[in-house]
Amino acid sequence: MAWIVLIISGMLETVWAVALGRTAGFTRPVPSAVFLAALTLSMAGLAYALRSIPVGTGYAIWVGIGAVGTAVVGMVALGESTSLPRVLCLLLVVSGVIGLKIFH
């Protein structure tokens, strides 16, 4: 159960990171509310997962999921550059996250 919560929390990190970019310095209420809700849920889920997953492993996986998810949203939905080197670097992050889970 902790692993599922950790994965969902990592996805929520993507949500709050994208929402943060849309807040315009917290002057837009809807993205600001989405940011705060996703941040709170993401941190709560991480805290729950770290009760049974080592902090180094759990935090690295949480950050990896959030970073890759945010970069993918940026490329797919926000018009950011989608170059082969960027995609290869993201695949390296994904392989590291998978390796951390496998060798946990």
C-alpha atoms as a PDB file:
ATOM      1  CA  MET A   1       0.000   0.000   0.000  1.00  0.00           C
ATOM      2  CA  ALA A   2       2.856   2.410   0.804  1.00  0.00           C
ATOM      3  CA  TRP A   3       4.257   2.033  -2.714  1.00  0.00           C
ATOM      4  CA  ILE A   4       0.914   2.872  -4.308  1.00  0.00           C
ATOM      5  CA  VAL A   5       0.560   5.928  -2.082  1.00  0.00           C
ATOM      6  CA  LEU A   6       4.136   6.960  -2.957  1.00  0.00           C
ATOM      7  CA  ILE A   7       3.428   6.727  -6.702  1.00  0.00           C
ATOM      8  CA  ILE A   8       0.208   8.724  -6.378  1.00  0.00           C
ATOM      9  CA  SER A   9       2.042  11.300  -4.251  1.00  0.00           C
ATOM     10  CA  GLY A  10       4.699  11.602  -6.964  1.00  0.00           C
ATOM     11  CA  MET A  11       1.988  12.223  -9.548  1.00  0.00           C
ATOM     12  CA  LEU A  12       0.482  14.863  -7.266  1.00  0.00           C
ATOM     13  CA  GLU A  13       3.907  16.512  -7.220  1.00  0.00           C
ATOM     14  CA  THR A  14       3.518  16.940 -10.971  1.00  0.00           C
ATOM     15  CA  VAL A  15       0.083  18.492 -10.421  1.00  0.00           C
ATOM     16  CA  TRP A  16       1.312  21.035  -7.888  1.00  0.00           C
ATOM     17  CA  ALA A  17       4.408  21.913  -9.920  1.00  0.00           C
ATOM     18  CA  VAL A  18       2.348  22.613 -13.043  1.00  0.00           C
ATOM     19  CA  ALA A  19      -0.262  24.503 -11.012  1.00  0.00           C
ATOM     20  CA  LEU A  20       2.473  26.596  -9.397  1.00  0.00           C
ATOM     21  CA  GLY A  21       3.571  27.719 -12.837  1.00  0.00           C
ATOM     22  CA  ARG A  22       0.005  28.821 -13.553  1.00  0.00           C
ATOM     23  CA  THR A  23      -0.557  30.817 -10.355  1.00  0.00           C
ATOM     24  CA  ALA A  24       1.136  33.986 -11.696  1.00  0.00           C
ATOM     25  CA  GLY A  25       2.689  34.651  -8.316  1.00  0.00           C
ATOM     26  CA  PHE A  26      -0.402  33.399  -6.461  1.00  0.00           C
ATOM     27  CA  THR A  27      -2.588  36.071  -8.051  1.00  0.00           C
ATOM     28  CA  ARG A  28      -4.858  33.526  -9.764  1.00  0.00           C
ATOM     29  CA  PRO A  29      -7.128  31.800  -7.225  1.00  0.00           C
ATOM     30  CA  VAL A  30      -7.984  28.545  -9.013  1.00  0.00           C
ATOM     31  CA  PRO A  31      -4.412  27.469  -9.854  1.00  0.00           C
ATOM     32  CA  SER A  32      -3.361  28.635  -6.387  1.00  0.00           C
ATOM     33  CA  ALA A  33      -6.015  26.431  -4.766  1.00  0.00           C
ATOM     34  CA  VAL A  34      -5.032  23.463  -6.960  1.00  0.00           C
ATOM     35  CA  PHE A  35      -1.394  24.033  -5.986  1.00  0.00           C
ATOM     36  CA  LEU A  36      -2.154  24.104  -2.264  1.00  0.00           C
ATOM     37  CA  ALA A  37      -4.438  21.052  -2.361  1.00  0.00           C
ATOM     38  CA  ALA A  38      -2.053  18.959  -4.482  1.00  0.00           C
ATOM     39  CA  LEU A  39       0.950  20.025  -2.378  1.00  0.00           C
ATOM     40  CA  THR A  40      -0.802  19.093   0.853  1.00  0.00           C
ATOM     41  CA  LEU A  41      -1.960  15.706  -0.464  1.00  0.00           C
ATOM     42  CA  SER A  42       1.420  14.979  -2.036  1.00  0.00           C
ATOM     43  CA  MET A  43       3.319  15.721   1.181  1.00  0.00           C
ATOM     44  CA  ALA A  44       0.834  13.782   3.298  1.00  0.00           C
ATOM     45  CA  GLY A  45       1.160  10.779   1.001  1.00  0.00           C
ATOM     46  CA  LEU A  46       4.947  10.997   1.076  1.00  0.00           C
ATOM     47  CA  ALA A  47       4.897  11.158   4.867  1.00  0.00           C
ATOM     48  CA  TYR A  48       2.622   8.097   5.006  1.00  0.00           C
ATOM     49  CA  ALA A  49       4.787   6.121   2.577  1.00  0.00           C
ATOM     50  CA  LEU A  50       7.984   6.959   4.470  1.00  0.00           C
ATOM     51  CA  ARG A  51       6.610   5.152   7.515  1.00  0.00           C
ATOM     52  CA  SER A  52       7.523   1.866   5.799  1.00  0.00           C
ATOM     53  CA  ILE A  53       9.838   2.853   2.917  1.00  0.00           C
ATOM     54  CA  PRO A  54      13.367   4.124   3.686  1.00  0.00           C
ATOM     55  CA  VAL A  55      13.558   7.912   3.350  1.00  0.00           C
ATOM     56  CA  GLY A  56      16.341   7.899   0.749  1.00  0.00           C
ATOM     57  CA  THR A  57      14.510   5.488  -1.519  1.00  0.00           C
ATOM     58  CA  GLY A  58      11.065   6.990  -1.009  1.00  0.00           C
ATOM     59  CA  TYR A  59      12.118  10.590  -1.471  1.00  0.00           C
ATOM     60  CA  ALA A  60      14.187   9.838  -4.576  1.00  0.00           C
ATOM     61  CA  ILE A  61      11.298   7.953  -6.176  1.00  0.00           C
ATOM     62  CA  TRP A  62       8.806  10.705  -5.243  1.00  0.00           C
ATOM     63  CA  VAL A  63      11.042  13.393  -6.736  1.00  0.00           C
ATOM     64  CA  GLY A  64      11.780  11.283  -9.818  1.00  0.00           C
ATOM     65  CA  ILE A  65       8.111  10.704 -10.565  1.00  0.00           C
ATOM     66  CA  GLY A  66       7.343  14.388 -10.041  1.00  0.00           C
ATOM     67  CA  ALA A  67      10.267  15.602 -12.136  1.00  0.00           C
ATOM     68  CA  VAL A  68       9.593  13.274 -15.055  1.00  0.00           C
ATOM     69  CA  GLY A  69       5.858  13.921 -14.900  1.00  0.00           C
ATOM     70  CA  THR A  70       6.349  17.681 -14.866  1.00  0.00           C
ATOM     71  CA  ALA A  71       8.805  17.555 -17.766  1.00  0.00           C
ATOM     72  CA  VAL A  72       6.444  15.352 -19.804  1.00  0.00           C
ATOM     73  CA  VAL A  73       3.488  17.685 -19.164  1.00  0.00           C
ATOM     74  CA  GLY A  74       5.707  20.576 -20.211  1.00  0.00           C
ATOM     75  CA  MET A  75       6.650  18.863 -23.455  1.00  0.00           C
ATOM     76  CA  VAL A  76       3.226  17.447 -24.320  1.00  0.00           C
ATOM     77  CA  ALA A  77       0.863  20.173 -23.162  1.00  0.00           C
ATOM     78  CA  LEU A  78       2.875  23.350 -22.644  1.00  0.00           C
ATOM     79  CA  GLY A  79       4.980  23.501 -25.797  1.00  0.00           C
ATOM     80  CA  GLU A  80       8.377  22.932 -24.212  1.00  0.00           C
ATOM     81  CA  SER A  81      11.202  21.486 -26.296  1.00  0.00           C
ATOM     82  CA  THR A  82      11.017  17.758 -27.025  1.00  0.00           C
ATOM     83  CA  SER A  83      14.515  16.888 -28.140  1.00  0.00           C
ATOM     84  CA  LEU A  84      16.115  13.465 -28.200  1.00  0.00           C
ATOM     85  CA  PRO A  85      18.663  14.371 -25.498  1.00  0.00           C
ATOM     86  CA  ARG A  86      15.865  15.576 -23.182  1.00  0.00           C
ATOM     87  CA  VAL A  87      13.874  12.390 -23.711  1.00  0.00           C
ATOM     88  CA  LEU A  88      16.966  10.244 -23.136  1.00  0.00           C
ATOM     89  CA  CYS A  89      17.718  12.100 -19.890  1.00  0.00           C
ATOM     90  CA  LEU A  90      14.155  11.536 -18.700  1.00  0.00           C
ATOM     91  CA  LEU A  91      14.513   7.836 -19.522  1.00  0.00           C
ATOM     92  CA  LEU A  92      17.638   7.771 -17.354  1.00  0.00           C
ATOM     93  CA  VAL A  93      15.634   9.215 -14.456  1.00  0.00           C
ATOM     94  CA  VAL A  94      12.886   6.631 -15.015  1.00  0.00           C
ATOM     95  CA  SER A  95      15.456   3.813 -15.079  1.00  0.00           C
ATOM     96  CA  GLY A  96      16.928   5.124 -11.824  1.00  0.00           C
ATOM     97  CA  VAL A  97      13.494   5.182 -10.170  1.00  0.00           C
ATOM     98  CA  ILE A  98      12.814   1.633 -11.355  1.00  0.00           C
ATOM     99  CA  GLY A  99      16.228   0.537 -10.123  1.00  0.00           C
ATOM    100  CA  LEU A 100      15.578   2.013  -6.699  1.00  0.00           C
ATOM    101  CA  LYS A 101      12.315   0.082  -6.459  1.00  0.00           C
ATOM    102  CA  ILE A 102      13.855  -3.178  -7.687  1.00  0.00           C
ATOM    103  CA  PHE A 103      16.867  -3.008  -5.371  1.00  0.00           C
ATOM    104  CA  HIS A 104      14.919  -1.754  -2.342  1.00  0.00           C
END
